[in-house]
């Protein structure tokens, strides 16, 4: 019990210390820039104005509205990526012929920047929401797909032989062997996909939509409300950190490596 408490205390202290260092560097850089008349406008980028603006935007509901819109687009895109990436990843891991045929086209498409699909997405989809969800999905599907395939490749083939000898059906092979064996790798792929999707989501919201984190940043830039801009950067960083921490908790919870 004592060692666990000490570990938690150490983790909390390093977390706070790291944030304090980041905050200090942020304050010092904006303060130093504000000393020069040519860059005095950078005073609005400091932590004081940013945190004050964050509180004001929370009170008037701007942050909640932006978070809800972006969360919907991110969640929908990730659900599509998981629904497409996991089955295809299983197929890659189980079928040598499919793996050989799909390797070159998948690798080619994976190397295309997700934002490069934006002009096509705008033409194909009727609304910007659907286009952004597509961009999130196309960014997130590759880490999930290849992590699933890599996880399945590590499974001992004798497991499948034993299962077949015991009369396991295809459905039981998937639910009783494949899914538990690759859960760790799938969750790791989702964590990587979340990071990529999060970086694609915000710039995708710069154009076309009237809500979301990206739109709020662009609106603050155009109205020269730099304190609001920095407030949204703080919100984006905090949300991204929270989502990544949630994925990491799930990975630790469902990792059979420790079990």
Protein backbone atom coordinates (compact mmCIF):
# COMPACT_ATOMS: atom_id res chain seq x y z
CA UNK A 1 0.00 0.00 0.00
CA UNK A 2 2.79 2.37 0.92
CA UNK A 3 4.72 1.74 -2.29
CA UNK A 4 1.57 2.28 -4.36
CA UNK A 5 0.87 5.58 -2.60
CA UNK A 6 4.49 6.63 -3.15
CA UNK A 7 4.19 5.78 -6.84
CA UNK A 8 1.01 7.82 -7.20
CA UNK A 9 2.58 10.74 -5.35
CA UNK A 10 5.64 10.62 -7.60
CA UNK A 11 3.48 10.52 -10.74
CA UNK A 12 1.39 13.45 -9.53
CA UNK A 13 4.47 15.50 -8.62
CA UNK A 14 6.13 14.91 -12.00
CA UNK A 15 2.85 15.76 -13.77
CA UNK A 16 2.56 19.06 -11.90
CA UNK A 17 6.26 19.85 -12.32
CA UNK A 18 6.10 19.24 -16.06
CA UNK A 19 3.09 21.53 -16.44
CA UNK A 20 4.78 24.18 -14.29
CA UNK A 21 7.85 24.14 -16.53
CA UNK A 22 5.69 24.41 -19.66
CA UNK A 23 3.70 27.27 -18.12
CA UNK A 24 6.90 29.06 -17.13
CA UNK A 25 8.34 28.78 -20.63
CA UNK A 26 5.07 29.98 -22.12
CA UNK A 27 4.94 33.02 -19.82
CA UNK A 28 8.61 33.90 -20.33
CA UNK A 29 8.49 33.68 -24.13
CA UNK A 30 5.42 35.90 -24.43
CA UNK A 31 6.80 38.34 -21.84
CA UNK A 32 10.12 38.61 -23.68
CA UNK A 33 8.37 39.22 -27.01
CA UNK A 34 6.09 41.85 -25.49
CA UNK A 35 9.10 43.97 -24.45
CA UNK A 36 9.79 44.96 -28.06
CA UNK A 37 7.41 47.53 -29.59
CA UNK A 38 7.34 45.56 -32.86
CA UNK A 39 6.10 42.41 -31.10
CA UNK A 40 4.16 43.94 -28.20
CA UNK A 41 0.93 42.35 -29.46
CA UNK A 42 2.25 38.99 -28.28
CA UNK A 43 1.27 39.97 -24.73
CA UNK A 44 -2.24 38.71 -25.60
CA UNK A 45 -0.77 35.26 -26.23
CA UNK A 46 0.35 34.86 -22.61
CA UNK A 47 -1.06 32.39 -20.07
CA UNK A 48 -2.85 35.09 -18.04
CA UNK A 49 -5.07 36.37 -20.89
CA UNK A 50 -5.54 32.81 -22.17
CA UNK A 51 -6.83 31.44 -18.86
CA UNK A 52 -9.05 34.49 -18.35
CA UNK A 53 -10.50 34.00 -21.83
CA UNK A 54 -10.99 30.29 -21.14
CA UNK A 55 -13.14 31.08 -18.11
CA UNK A 56 -15.17 33.65 -20.06
CA UNK A 57 -15.73 31.23 -22.96
CA UNK A 58 -16.82 28.53 -20.54
CA UNK A 59 -19.33 30.90 -18.96
CA UNK A 60 -20.90 31.87 -22.30
CA UNK A 61 -20.89 28.27 -23.58
CA UNK A 62 -18.58 28.77 -26.58
CA UNK A 63 -16.14 26.08 -25.50
CA UNK A 64 -18.87 23.55 -24.71
CA UNK A 65 -20.44 24.09 -28.13
CA UNK A 66 -17.11 23.74 -29.92
CA UNK A 67 -16.17 20.63 -27.94
CA UNK A 68 -19.52 18.96 -28.64
CA UNK A 69 -19.32 19.59 -32.41
CA UNK A 70 -15.74 18.38 -32.69
CA UNK A 71 -16.36 15.38 -30.43
CA UNK A 72 -19.25 14.27 -32.63
CA UNK A 73 -17.11 14.45 -35.78
CA UNK A 74 -14.17 12.75 -34.10
CA UNK A 75 -16.31 9.99 -32.60
CA UNK A 76 -18.17 9.28 -35.84
CA UNK A 77 -14.92 9.15 -37.81
CA UNK A 78 -13.28 6.81 -35.31
CA UNK A 79 -16.29 4.47 -35.24
CA UNK A 80 -16.15 4.20 -39.04
CA UNK A 81 -12.38 3.65 -38.94
CA UNK A 82 -12.73 0.87 -36.35
CA UNK A 83 -15.63 -0.76 -38.22
CA UNK A 84 -13.56 -0.81 -41.43
CA UNK A 85 -10.03 -1.22 -40.08
CA UNK A 86 -10.48 -4.12 -37.65
CA UNK A 87 -12.16 -6.56 -40.11
CA UNK A 88 -9.72 -5.70 -42.90
CA UNK A 89 -6.82 -6.03 -40.45
CA UNK A 90 -8.06 -9.48 -39.45
CA UNK A 91 -8.32 -10.42 -43.11
CA UNK A 92 -4.76 -9.22 -43.73
CA UNK A 93 -3.50 -11.23 -40.79
CA UNK A 94 -5.38 -14.41 -41.70
CA UNK A 95 -5.14 -14.47 -45.51
CA UNK A 96 -1.71 -14.52 -47.11
CA UNK A 97 -3.16 -13.99 -50.60
CA UNK A 98 -5.16 -10.94 -49.51
CA UNK A 99 -2.14 -9.57 -47.64
CA UNK A 100 0.06 -9.84 -50.72
CA UNK A 101 -2.53 -8.32 -53.07
CA UNK A 102 -3.50 -5.46 -50.76
CA UNK A 103 -0.05 -4.47 -49.52
CA UNK A 104 0.94 -2.12 -52.35
CA UNK A 105 -2.41 -0.31 -52.75
CA UNK A 106 -2.86 0.07 -49.00
CA UNK A 107 0.68 1.38 -48.50
CA UNK A 108 0.20 3.82 -51.39
CA UNK A 109 -3.06 5.16 -49.98
CA UNK A 110 -1.68 5.28 -46.44
CA UNK A 111 1.06 7.69 -47.52
CA UNK A 112 -1.44 10.22 -48.92
CA UNK A 113 -1.97 13.06 -46.45
CA UNK A 114 -5.53 12.84 -45.07
CA UNK A 115 -6.08 16.54 -45.72
CA UNK A 116 -5.24 15.94 -49.40
CA UNK A 117 -8.61 14.21 -49.65
CA UNK A 118 -10.42 17.40 -48.64
CA UNK A 119 -11.26 18.68 -52.17
CA UNK A 120 -12.61 15.25 -53.13
CA UNK A 121 -14.56 14.93 -49.87
CA UNK A 122 -16.22 18.30 -50.44
CA UNK A 123 -17.35 17.20 -53.90
CA UNK A 124 -18.53 13.73 -52.90
CA UNK A 125 -20.34 14.55 -49.65
CA UNK A 126 -23.29 16.91 -49.44
CA UNK A 127 -22.32 18.62 -46.19
CA UNK A 128 -19.13 19.66 -44.45
CA UNK A 129 -19.87 17.53 -41.42
CA UNK A 130 -19.86 14.38 -43.55
CA UNK A 131 -16.70 15.53 -45.34
CA UNK A 132 -14.84 16.11 -42.05
CA UNK A 133 -15.99 12.75 -40.68
CA UNK A 134 -14.62 11.12 -43.85
CA UNK A 135 -11.27 12.90 -43.39
CA UNK A 136 -11.07 11.73 -39.77
CA UNK A 137 -11.94 8.17 -40.80
CA UNK A 138 -9.41 8.05 -43.66
CA UNK A 139 -6.73 9.31 -41.26
CA UNK A 140 -7.58 6.87 -38.47
CA UNK A 141 -8.22 3.67 -40.43
CA UNK A 142 -4.59 2.87 -41.28
CA UNK A 143 -3.11 2.66 -37.74
CA UNK A 144 -6.07 0.51 -36.66
CA UNK A 145 -5.85 -1.75 -39.70
CA UNK A 146 -2.12 -2.40 -39.52
CA UNK A 147 -2.06 -2.73 -35.72
CA UNK A 148 -4.81 -5.35 -35.96
CA UNK A 149 -2.90 -7.24 -38.66
CA UNK A 150 0.35 -7.07 -36.67
CA UNK A 151 -1.40 -8.32 -33.54
CA UNK A 152 -2.91 -11.26 -35.37
CA UNK A 153 0.47 -12.14 -36.89
CA UNK A 154 1.84 -12.63 -33.36
CA UNK A 155 -0.83 -15.17 -32.42
CA UNK A 156 0.48 -18.74 -32.21
CA UNK A 157 -0.97 -20.69 -35.20
CA UNK A 158 -1.36 -23.73 -32.96
CA UNK A 159 -4.21 -21.94 -31.18
CA UNK A 160 -6.27 -22.09 -34.36
CA UNK A 161 -5.38 -25.74 -34.96
CA UNK A 162 -6.45 -26.71 -31.47
CA UNK A 163 -9.68 -24.72 -31.82
CA UNK A 164 -10.52 -26.42 -35.13
CA UNK A 165 -9.78 -29.83 -33.66
CA UNK A 166 -12.18 -29.05 -30.82
CA UNK A 167 -14.89 -28.17 -33.33
CA UNK A 168 -14.85 -24.39 -32.99
CA UNK A 169 -17.05 -22.56 -35.48
CA UNK A 170 -15.77 -19.52 -37.45
CA UNK A 171 -17.73 -17.25 -35.14
CA UNK A 172 -16.12 -18.86 -32.08
CA UNK A 173 -12.69 -18.53 -33.68
CA UNK A 174 -13.26 -14.79 -33.95
CA UNK A 175 -14.93 -14.18 -30.57
CA UNK A 176 -12.96 -16.65 -28.43
CA UNK A 177 -9.48 -16.48 -29.95
CA UNK A 178 -8.91 -13.62 -32.38
CA UNK A 179 -10.62 -10.74 -30.55
CA UNK A 180 -9.12 -11.48 -27.07
CA UNK A 181 -5.68 -12.09 -28.60
CA UNK A 182 -5.58 -8.85 -30.60
CA UNK A 183 -7.44 -6.57 -28.13
CA UNK A 184 -4.16 -5.06 -26.88
CA UNK A 185 -2.94 -4.34 -30.43
CA UNK A 186 -6.30 -2.99 -31.57
CA UNK A 187 -6.47 -0.59 -28.62
CA UNK A 188 -2.89 0.48 -29.31
CA UNK A 189 -3.85 1.13 -32.93
CA UNK A 190 -6.88 3.13 -31.80
CA UNK A 191 -4.63 5.21 -29.56
CA UNK A 192 -2.34 5.98 -32.49
CA UNK A 193 -5.33 6.61 -34.74
CA UNK A 194 -6.81 9.00 -32.20
CA UNK A 195 -3.65 11.11 -32.24
CA UNK A 196 -3.63 11.29 -36.04
CA UNK A 197 -7.37 11.99 -36.23
CA UNK A 198 -7.11 14.72 -33.60
CA UNK A 199 -4.43 16.51 -35.64
CA UNK A 200 -6.53 16.23 -38.81
CA UNK A 201 -9.82 17.29 -37.21
CA UNK A 202 -8.85 20.82 -36.18
CA UNK A 203 -7.41 22.04 -39.53
CA UNK A 204 -10.31 20.34 -41.34
CA UNK A 205 -12.67 22.58 -39.35
CA UNK A 206 -10.96 25.77 -40.51
CA UNK A 207 -13.15 25.91 -43.61
CA UNK A 208 -16.81 25.34 -44.34
CA UNK A 209 -18.27 24.71 -40.87
CA UNK A 210 -19.66 27.14 -38.33
CA UNK A 211 -18.81 25.19 -35.19
CA UNK A 212 -16.02 23.14 -33.67
CA UNK A 213 -12.58 23.72 -32.22
CA UNK A 214 -10.98 24.55 -35.56
CA UNK A 215 -13.71 27.01 -36.50
CA UNK A 216 -13.39 28.74 -33.11
CA UNK A 217 -9.63 29.15 -33.61
CA UNK A 218 -10.10 30.56 -37.11
CA UNK A 219 -12.83 32.92 -35.89
CA UNK A 220 -10.57 34.17 -33.08
CA UNK A 221 -7.73 34.76 -35.55
CA UNK A 222 -9.92 36.73 -37.95
CA UNK A 223 -11.33 38.86 -35.13
CA UNK A 224 -7.82 39.38 -33.65
CA UNK A 225 -8.90 37.89 -30.31
CA UNK A 226 -5.57 36.25 -29.63
CA UNK A 227 -6.43 35.47 -26.02
CA UNK A 228 -9.41 33.42 -27.27
CA UNK A 229 -7.13 31.70 -29.78
CA UNK A 230 -4.71 30.67 -27.05
CA UNK A 231 -7.60 29.59 -24.85
CA UNK A 232 -8.74 27.19 -27.56
CA UNK A 233 -5.21 25.83 -27.92
CA UNK A 234 -5.25 25.07 -24.19
CA UNK A 235 -8.62 23.31 -24.57
CA UNK A 236 -7.39 21.28 -27.55
CA UNK A 237 -4.26 20.21 -25.70
CA UNK A 238 -6.18 19.27 -22.55
CA UNK A 239 -8.79 17.30 -24.50
CA UNK A 240 -6.16 15.48 -26.52
CA UNK A 241 -4.24 14.59 -23.36
CA UNK A 242 -7.42 13.32 -21.67
CA UNK A 243 -8.39 11.18 -24.67
CA UNK A 244 -4.89 9.70 -24.93
CA UNK A 245 -4.87 8.95 -21.19
CA UNK A 246 -8.23 7.20 -21.52
CA UNK A 247 -6.88 5.02 -24.33
CA UNK A 248 -3.78 4.21 -22.29
CA UNK A 249 -5.97 3.17 -19.34
CA UNK A 250 -7.97 0.83 -21.59
CA UNK A 251 -4.77 -0.66 -23.00
CA UNK A 252 -3.48 -1.41 -19.49
CA UNK A 253 -6.87 -2.77 -18.44
CA UNK A 254 -7.31 -5.17 -21.35
CA UNK A 255 -3.70 -6.18 -21.92
CA UNK A 256 -3.41 -9.96 -21.70
CA UNK A 257 0.39 -9.58 -21.68
CA UNK A 258 0.26 -8.82 -17.95
CA UNK A 259 -2.52 -11.29 -17.27
